[in-house]
Amino acid sequence: MTKPATRTQKDKIATYIRRQAWILFVLIVSIAILDSFWLHSGLVVAKSTALGALLSFSSQVILASFVFWYTGYRARRHIVSQMYRGQVIKWLLTVFGFALIFITIRPLSAPALFIGFIVMQVSNSWMLWHVR
């Protein structure tokens, strides 16, 4: 006989979002120290990495807020529709966020921007793997 799925509590997700915020903070501080003492790029690399990481973090938080808006069996249709809405808004925020960053921020280090984004995506995947 199979075991029913356990519920994912909002408190547990909020804990993982706070942990990811700490990863974001550590990433920004460490890359700023690295940039100012070793790279000497005038904090361009640190700024670009921070922007990529913040874009990833904000889109993940928005998706989580949409997904966990409703709970319970009776709200299953609302939950599915909120998942779709949250995913669409996450992708739109990511695409328009990258476009806005590339258009408005000068000077910018594109590799650092994508590295910051990817580091936060990897940390989010790692956190989600531990939610189970």
N, C-alpha and C. Protein backbone atom coordinates (compact mmCIF):
# COMPACT_ATOMS: atom_id res chain seq x y z
N MET A 1 0.83 -1.17 0.00
CA MET A 1 0.00 0.00 0.00
C MET A 1 0.88 1.24 0.00
N THR A 2 0.47 2.23 -0.73
CA THR A 2 1.28 3.45 -0.80
C THR A 2 0.93 4.39 0.33
N LYS A 3 1.87 5.22 0.62
CA LYS A 3 1.70 6.20 1.69
C LYS A 3 1.27 7.53 1.07
N PRO A 4 0.31 8.23 1.68
CA PRO A 4 -0.10 9.52 1.11
C PRO A 4 1.04 10.54 1.21
N ALA A 5 1.01 11.47 0.31
CA ALA A 5 2.05 12.50 0.29
C ALA A 5 1.90 13.40 1.51
N THR A 6 3.02 13.81 2.03
CA THR A 6 2.97 14.74 3.16
C THR A 6 2.84 16.15 2.64
N ARG A 7 2.23 16.99 3.45
CA ARG A 7 2.04 18.37 3.08
C ARG A 7 3.34 19.14 3.23
N THR A 8 3.54 20.08 2.35
CA THR A 8 4.66 20.99 2.49
C THR A 8 4.13 22.22 3.20
N GLN A 9 4.61 22.44 4.39
CA GLN A 9 4.12 23.56 5.18
C GLN A 9 4.73 24.87 4.70
N LYS A 10 3.94 25.94 4.83
CA LYS A 10 4.42 27.26 4.45
C LYS A 10 5.60 27.67 5.31
N ASP A 11 5.60 27.26 6.57
CA ASP A 11 6.70 27.62 7.47
C ASP A 11 8.02 27.03 6.98
N LYS A 12 7.96 25.81 6.49
CA LYS A 12 9.17 25.16 5.99
C LYS A 12 9.70 25.87 4.75
N ILE A 13 8.80 26.27 3.87
CA ILE A 13 9.21 27.00 2.68
C ILE A 13 9.76 28.36 3.06
N ALA A 14 9.13 29.02 4.02
CA ALA A 14 9.63 30.32 4.48
C ALA A 14 11.03 30.19 5.08
N THR A 15 11.28 29.09 5.77
CA THR A 15 12.62 28.86 6.32
C THR A 15 13.65 28.72 5.21
N TYR A 16 13.31 28.00 4.15
CA TYR A 16 14.23 27.83 3.04
C TYR A 16 14.43 29.13 2.26
N ILE A 17 13.40 29.96 2.19
CA ILE A 17 13.57 31.26 1.54
C ILE A 17 14.50 32.14 2.36
N ARG A 18 14.38 32.09 3.69
CA ARG A 18 15.31 32.86 4.53
C ARG A 18 16.74 32.33 4.38
N ARG A 19 16.89 31.03 4.28
CA ARG A 19 18.23 30.47 4.07
C ARG A 19 18.80 30.91 2.73
N GLN A 20 17.96 30.95 1.72
CA GLN A 20 18.43 31.39 0.43
C GLN A 20 18.77 32.89 0.46
N ALA A 21 18.04 33.66 1.26
CA ALA A 21 18.39 35.08 1.42
C ALA A 21 19.77 35.22 2.05
N TRP A 22 20.10 34.34 2.98
CA TRP A 22 21.44 34.36 3.56
C TRP A 22 22.50 33.98 2.53
N ILE A 23 22.19 33.02 1.67
CA ILE A 23 23.12 32.66 0.60
C ILE A 23 23.32 33.87 -0.32
N LEU A 24 22.25 34.58 -0.61
CA LEU A 24 22.34 35.79 -1.42
C LEU A 24 23.23 36.83 -0.75
N PHE A 25 23.03 37.04 0.53
CA PHE A 25 23.84 38.01 1.27
C PHE A 25 25.31 37.62 1.26
N VAL A 26 25.61 36.36 1.53
CA VAL A 26 26.99 35.88 1.55
C VAL A 26 27.61 36.01 0.16
N LEU A 27 26.85 35.70 -0.87
CA LEU A 27 27.36 35.82 -2.24
C LEU A 27 27.71 37.27 -2.56
N ILE A 28 26.83 38.20 -2.21
CA ILE A 28 27.08 39.61 -2.51
C ILE A 28 28.28 40.13 -1.74
N VAL A 29 28.38 39.81 -0.46
CA VAL A 29 29.50 40.29 0.34
C VAL A 29 30.81 39.68 -0.13
N SER A 30 30.81 38.37 -0.40
CA SER A 30 32.06 37.73 -0.81
C SER A 30 32.54 38.21 -2.18
N ILE A 31 31.62 38.42 -3.12
CA ILE A 31 32.05 38.89 -4.43
C ILE A 31 32.47 40.36 -4.36
N ALA A 32 31.89 41.15 -3.47
CA ALA A 32 32.32 42.55 -3.30
C ALA A 32 33.73 42.60 -2.73
N ILE A 33 34.02 41.73 -1.76
CA ILE A 33 35.37 41.67 -1.19
C ILE A 33 36.36 41.19 -2.25
N LEU A 34 35.99 40.15 -2.98
CA LEU A 34 36.85 39.63 -4.04
C LEU A 34 37.12 40.69 -5.11
N ASP A 35 36.07 41.41 -5.48
CA ASP A 35 36.20 42.42 -6.51
C ASP A 35 37.07 43.59 -6.06
N SER A 36 36.90 44.03 -4.83
CA SER A 36 37.66 45.20 -4.39
C SER A 36 39.12 44.89 -4.10
N PHE A 37 39.44 43.68 -3.65
CA PHE A 37 40.82 43.37 -3.29
C PHE A 37 41.60 42.66 -4.38
N TRP A 38 40.92 41.94 -5.28
CA TRP A 38 41.66 41.13 -6.24
C TRP A 38 41.42 41.57 -7.69
N LEU A 39 40.16 41.80 -8.05
CA LEU A 39 39.85 42.11 -9.44
C LEU A 39 40.05 43.59 -9.80
N HIS A 40 39.83 44.47 -8.86
CA HIS A 40 39.99 45.92 -9.04
C HIS A 40 39.23 46.44 -10.26
N SER A 41 37.98 46.04 -10.39
CA SER A 41 37.18 46.47 -11.53
C SER A 41 36.23 47.62 -11.19
N GLY A 42 36.43 48.23 -10.04
CA GLY A 42 35.53 49.30 -9.64
C GLY A 42 34.17 48.79 -9.24
N LEU A 43 34.12 47.60 -8.70
CA LEU A 43 32.90 46.92 -8.24
C LEU A 43 31.90 46.62 -9.38
N VAL A 44 32.36 46.60 -10.61
CA VAL A 44 31.49 46.25 -11.74
C VAL A 44 31.09 44.78 -11.65
N VAL A 45 32.04 43.92 -11.35
CA VAL A 45 31.76 42.49 -11.24
C VAL A 45 30.83 42.22 -10.06
N ALA A 46 31.08 42.89 -8.94
CA ALA A 46 30.23 42.70 -7.76
C ALA A 46 28.81 43.18 -8.03
N LYS A 47 28.69 44.33 -8.67
CA LYS A 47 27.36 44.87 -8.99
C LYS A 47 26.62 43.94 -9.95
N SER A 48 27.30 43.45 -10.95
CA SER A 48 26.66 42.58 -11.94
C SER A 48 26.23 41.26 -11.31
N THR A 49 27.10 40.68 -10.48
CA THR A 49 26.76 39.43 -9.81
C THR A 49 25.58 39.63 -8.87
N ALA A 50 25.58 40.73 -8.14
CA ALA A 50 24.48 41.01 -7.22
C ALA A 50 23.16 41.20 -7.96
N LEU A 51 23.20 41.87 -9.10
CA LEU A 51 21.97 42.05 -9.88
C LEU A 51 21.42 40.73 -10.40
N GLY A 52 22.29 39.86 -10.90
CA GLY A 52 21.84 38.55 -11.36
C GLY A 52 21.27 37.71 -10.23
N ALA A 53 21.94 37.74 -9.08
CA ALA A 53 21.47 36.96 -7.93
C ALA A 53 20.15 37.52 -7.40
N LEU A 54 20.02 38.83 -7.34
CA LEU A 54 18.76 39.44 -6.87
C LEU A 54 17.61 39.16 -7.82
N LEU A 55 17.88 39.15 -9.11
CA LEU A 55 16.84 38.84 -10.08
C LEU A 55 16.34 37.40 -9.90
N SER A 56 17.26 36.48 -9.72
CA SER A 56 16.88 35.09 -9.51
C SER A 56 16.12 34.92 -8.20
N PHE A 57 16.61 35.53 -7.13
CA PHE A 57 15.97 35.40 -5.83
C PHE A 57 14.57 36.00 -5.84
N SER A 58 14.41 37.18 -6.43
CA SER A 58 13.09 37.81 -6.43
C SER A 58 12.08 37.01 -7.25
N SER A 59 12.52 36.44 -8.37
CA SER A 59 11.58 35.63 -9.16
C SER A 59 11.19 34.35 -8.43
N GLN A 60 12.12 33.75 -7.68
CA GLN A 60 11.78 32.55 -6.91
C GLN A 60 10.82 32.86 -5.77
N VAL A 61 11.01 34.00 -5.11
CA VAL A 61 10.11 34.39 -4.02
C VAL A 61 8.71 34.66 -4.53
N ILE A 62 8.61 35.31 -5.68
CA ILE A 62 7.30 35.58 -6.27
C ILE A 62 6.61 34.28 -6.66
N LEU A 63 7.35 33.35 -7.24
CA LEU A 63 6.77 32.05 -7.58
C LEU A 63 6.28 31.33 -6.32
N ALA A 64 7.08 31.33 -5.27
CA ALA A 64 6.66 30.67 -4.03
C ALA A 64 5.43 31.32 -3.42
N SER A 65 5.34 32.63 -3.50
CA SER A 65 4.16 33.29 -2.94
C SER A 65 2.90 32.95 -3.73
N PHE A 66 3.03 32.81 -5.04
CA PHE A 66 1.87 32.41 -5.84
C PHE A 66 1.49 30.96 -5.58
N VAL A 67 2.47 30.07 -5.49
CA VAL A 67 2.18 28.65 -5.33
C VAL A 67 1.51 28.37 -3.99
N PHE A 68 1.94 29.02 -2.94
CA PHE A 68 1.41 28.73 -1.61
C PHE A 68 0.33 29.71 -1.18
N TRP A 69 -0.32 30.35 -2.14
CA TRP A 69 -1.41 31.26 -1.83
C TRP A 69 -2.61 30.49 -1.26
N TYR A 70 -2.94 29.37 -1.88
CA TYR A 70 -4.04 28.51 -1.44
C TYR A 70 -3.47 27.19 -0.92
N THR A 71 -4.17 26.58 0.01
CA THR A 71 -3.79 25.26 0.51
C THR A 71 -5.04 24.42 0.69
N GLY A 72 -4.86 23.12 0.76
CA GLY A 72 -5.97 22.22 1.03
C GLY A 72 -6.50 21.54 -0.22
N TYR A 73 -7.21 20.45 0.02
CA TYR A 73 -7.73 19.64 -1.07
C TYR A 73 -8.81 20.38 -1.87
N ARG A 74 -9.64 21.13 -1.18
CA ARG A 74 -10.74 21.81 -1.85
C ARG A 74 -10.26 22.93 -2.77
N ALA A 75 -9.09 23.40 -2.55
CA ALA A 75 -8.55 24.50 -3.37
C ALA A 75 -7.62 23.99 -4.46
N ARG A 76 -7.74 22.74 -4.83
CA ARG A 76 -6.78 22.15 -5.77
C ARG A 76 -6.80 22.84 -7.13
N ARG A 77 -7.97 23.26 -7.61
CA ARG A 77 -8.00 23.97 -8.89
C ARG A 77 -7.34 25.33 -8.79
N HIS A 78 -7.55 26.00 -7.67
CA HIS A 78 -6.90 27.30 -7.45
C HIS A 78 -5.39 27.13 -7.35
N ILE A 79 -4.97 26.05 -6.71
CA ILE A 79 -3.53 25.81 -6.54
C ILE A 79 -2.87 25.61 -7.91
N VAL A 80 -3.51 24.82 -8.76
CA VAL A 80 -2.93 24.58 -10.09
C VAL A 80 -2.91 25.86 -10.91
N SER A 81 -3.99 26.63 -10.87
CA SER A 81 -4.00 27.88 -11.64
C SER A 81 -2.98 28.87 -11.08
N GLN A 82 -2.80 28.90 -9.77
CA GLN A 82 -1.79 29.78 -9.18
C GLN A 82 -0.38 29.33 -9.56
N MET A 83 -0.17 28.02 -9.69
CA MET A 83 1.14 27.53 -10.13
C MET A 83 1.44 28.02 -11.54
N TYR A 84 0.46 27.95 -12.43
CA TYR A 84 0.66 28.43 -13.79
C TYR A 84 0.90 29.94 -13.81
N ARG A 85 0.08 30.68 -13.06
CA ARG A 85 0.26 32.13 -12.99
C ARG A 85 1.63 32.49 -12.43
N GLY A 86 2.00 31.82 -11.36
CA GLY A 86 3.29 32.10 -10.75
C GLY A 86 4.45 31.83 -11.68
N GLN A 87 4.36 30.73 -12.44
CA GLN A 87 5.44 30.39 -13.38
C GLN A 87 5.51 31.40 -14.52
N VAL A 88 4.36 31.83 -15.03
CA VAL A 88 4.35 32.83 -16.10
C VAL A 88 4.93 34.15 -15.60
N ILE A 89 4.52 34.57 -14.41
CA ILE A 89 5.04 35.82 -13.86
C ILE A 89 6.53 35.71 -13.57
N LYS A 90 6.97 34.54 -13.10
CA LYS A 90 8.40 34.34 -12.86
C LYS A 90 9.19 34.49 -14.15
N TRP A 91 8.74 33.87 -15.22
CA TRP A 91 9.46 33.95 -16.50
C TRP A 91 9.42 35.37 -17.06
N LEU A 92 8.27 36.03 -16.97
CA LEU A 92 8.19 37.40 -17.45
C LEU A 92 9.10 38.33 -16.65
N LEU A 93 9.13 38.16 -15.34
CA LEU A 93 10.01 38.96 -14.50
C LEU A 93 11.48 38.71 -14.85
N THR A 94 11.82 37.46 -15.11
CA THR A 94 13.20 37.12 -15.46
C THR A 94 13.59 37.72 -16.81
N VAL A 95 12.74 37.57 -17.81
CA VAL A 95 13.05 38.08 -19.15
C VAL A 95 13.13 39.61 -19.14
N PHE A 96 12.11 40.25 -18.57
CA PHE A 96 12.11 41.71 -18.54
C PHE A 96 13.17 42.25 -17.59
N GLY A 97 13.48 41.51 -16.54
CA GLY A 97 14.55 41.92 -15.63
C GLY A 97 15.90 41.92 -16.32
N PHE A 98 16.19 40.85 -17.06
CA PHE A 98 17.44 40.81 -17.83
C PHE A 98 17.49 41.93 -18.86
N ALA A 99 16.37 42.15 -19.55
CA ALA A 99 16.33 43.21 -20.57
C ALA A 99 16.56 44.57 -19.92
N LEU A 100 15.92 44.82 -18.80
CA LEU A 100 16.08 46.09 -18.11
C LEU A 100 17.51 46.28 -17.61
N ILE A 101 18.10 45.22 -17.09
CA ILE A 101 19.47 45.30 -16.61
C ILE A 101 20.42 45.59 -17.76
N PHE A 102 20.27 44.88 -18.88
CA PHE A 102 21.17 45.08 -20.02
C PHE A 102 20.99 46.46 -20.66
N ILE A 103 19.78 47.00 -20.62
CA ILE A 103 19.53 48.30 -21.23
C ILE A 103 20.02 49.44 -20.34
N THR A 104 19.78 49.35 -19.03
CA THR A 104 20.00 50.50 -18.17
C THR A 104 21.34 50.52 -17.42
N ILE A 105 21.90 49.39 -17.09
CA ILE A 105 23.09 49.36 -16.24
C ILE A 105 24.34 49.43 -17.11
N ARG A 106 25.15 50.46 -16.89
CA ARG A 106 26.45 50.61 -17.56
C ARG A 106 27.46 51.02 -16.53
N PRO A 107 28.62 50.52 -16.46
CA PRO A 107 29.17 49.35 -17.11
C PRO A 107 28.62 48.07 -16.47
N LEU A 108 28.63 47.02 -17.23
CA LEU A 108 28.05 45.74 -16.79
C LEU A 108 28.95 44.60 -17.24
N SER A 109 29.10 43.61 -16.37
CA SER A 109 29.83 42.40 -16.72
C SER A 109 28.80 41.29 -16.93
N ALA A 110 28.55 40.95 -18.18
CA ALA A 110 27.53 39.94 -18.50
C ALA A 110 27.87 38.57 -17.92
N PRO A 111 29.13 38.09 -17.98
CA PRO A 111 29.41 36.79 -17.35
C PRO A 111 29.13 36.79 -15.85
N ALA A 112 29.46 37.88 -15.17
CA ALA A 112 29.20 37.96 -13.73
C ALA A 112 27.71 37.98 -13.45
N LEU A 113 26.94 38.66 -14.29
CA LEU A 113 25.49 38.70 -14.14
C LEU A 113 24.90 37.30 -14.24
N PHE A 114 25.32 36.55 -15.25
CA PHE A 114 24.80 35.20 -15.43
C PHE A 114 25.31 34.25 -14.35
N ILE A 115 26.53 34.45 -13.88
CA ILE A 115 27.06 33.60 -12.80
C ILE A 115 26.26 33.82 -11.53
N GLY A 116 25.95 35.06 -11.20
CA GLY A 116 25.12 35.33 -10.02
C GLY A 116 23.75 34.71 -10.14
N PHE A 117 23.16 34.80 -11.33
CA PHE A 117 21.85 34.19 -11.57
C PHE A 117 21.91 32.68 -11.42
N ILE A 118 22.93 32.07 -12.01
CA ILE A 118 23.06 30.60 -11.98
C ILE A 118 23.35 30.10 -10.57
N VAL A 119 24.17 30.82 -9.82
CA VAL A 119 24.47 30.40 -8.44
C VAL A 119 23.19 30.37 -7.62
N MET A 120 22.35 31.37 -7.77
CA MET A 120 21.09 31.38 -7.01
C MET A 120 20.13 30.31 -7.52
N GLN A 121 20.12 30.02 -8.81
CA GLN A 121 19.27 28.94 -9.32
C GLN A 121 19.71 27.59 -8.78
N VAL A 122 21.03 27.38 -8.72
CA VAL A 122 21.55 26.12 -8.18
C VAL A 122 21.22 26.01 -6.69
N SER A 123 21.38 27.11 -5.96
CA SER A 123 21.05 27.05 -4.53
C SER A 123 19.56 26.82 -4.32
N ASN A 124 18.72 27.39 -5.19
CA ASN A 124 17.29 27.14 -5.08
C ASN A 124 16.96 25.69 -5.36
N SER A 125 17.58 25.11 -6.37
CA SER A 125 17.34 23.69 -6.67
C SER A 125 17.82 22.80 -5.53
N TRP A 126 18.94 23.16 -4.96
CA TRP A 126 19.46 22.40 -3.83
C TRP A 126 18.52 22.49 -2.63
N MET A 127 17.98 23.67 -2.37
CA MET A 127 17.03 23.84 -1.26
C MET A 127 15.75 23.07 -1.52
N LEU A 128 15.25 23.12 -2.76
CA LEU A 128 14.02 22.39 -3.07
C LEU A 128 14.22 20.89 -2.96
N TRP A 129 15.41 20.42 -3.26
CA TRP A 129 15.70 18.99 -3.12
C TRP A 129 15.59 18.57 -1.66
N HIS A 130 15.92 19.47 -0.74
CA HIS A 130 15.86 19.16 0.69
C HIS A 130 14.49 19.38 1.31
N VAL A 131 13.56 19.98 0.58
CA VAL A 131 12.22 20.21 1.12
C VAL A 131 11.47 18.91 1.27
N ARG A 132 11.73 17.96 0.40
CA ARG A 132 11.00 16.68 0.45
C ARG A 132 11.01 16.13 1.78
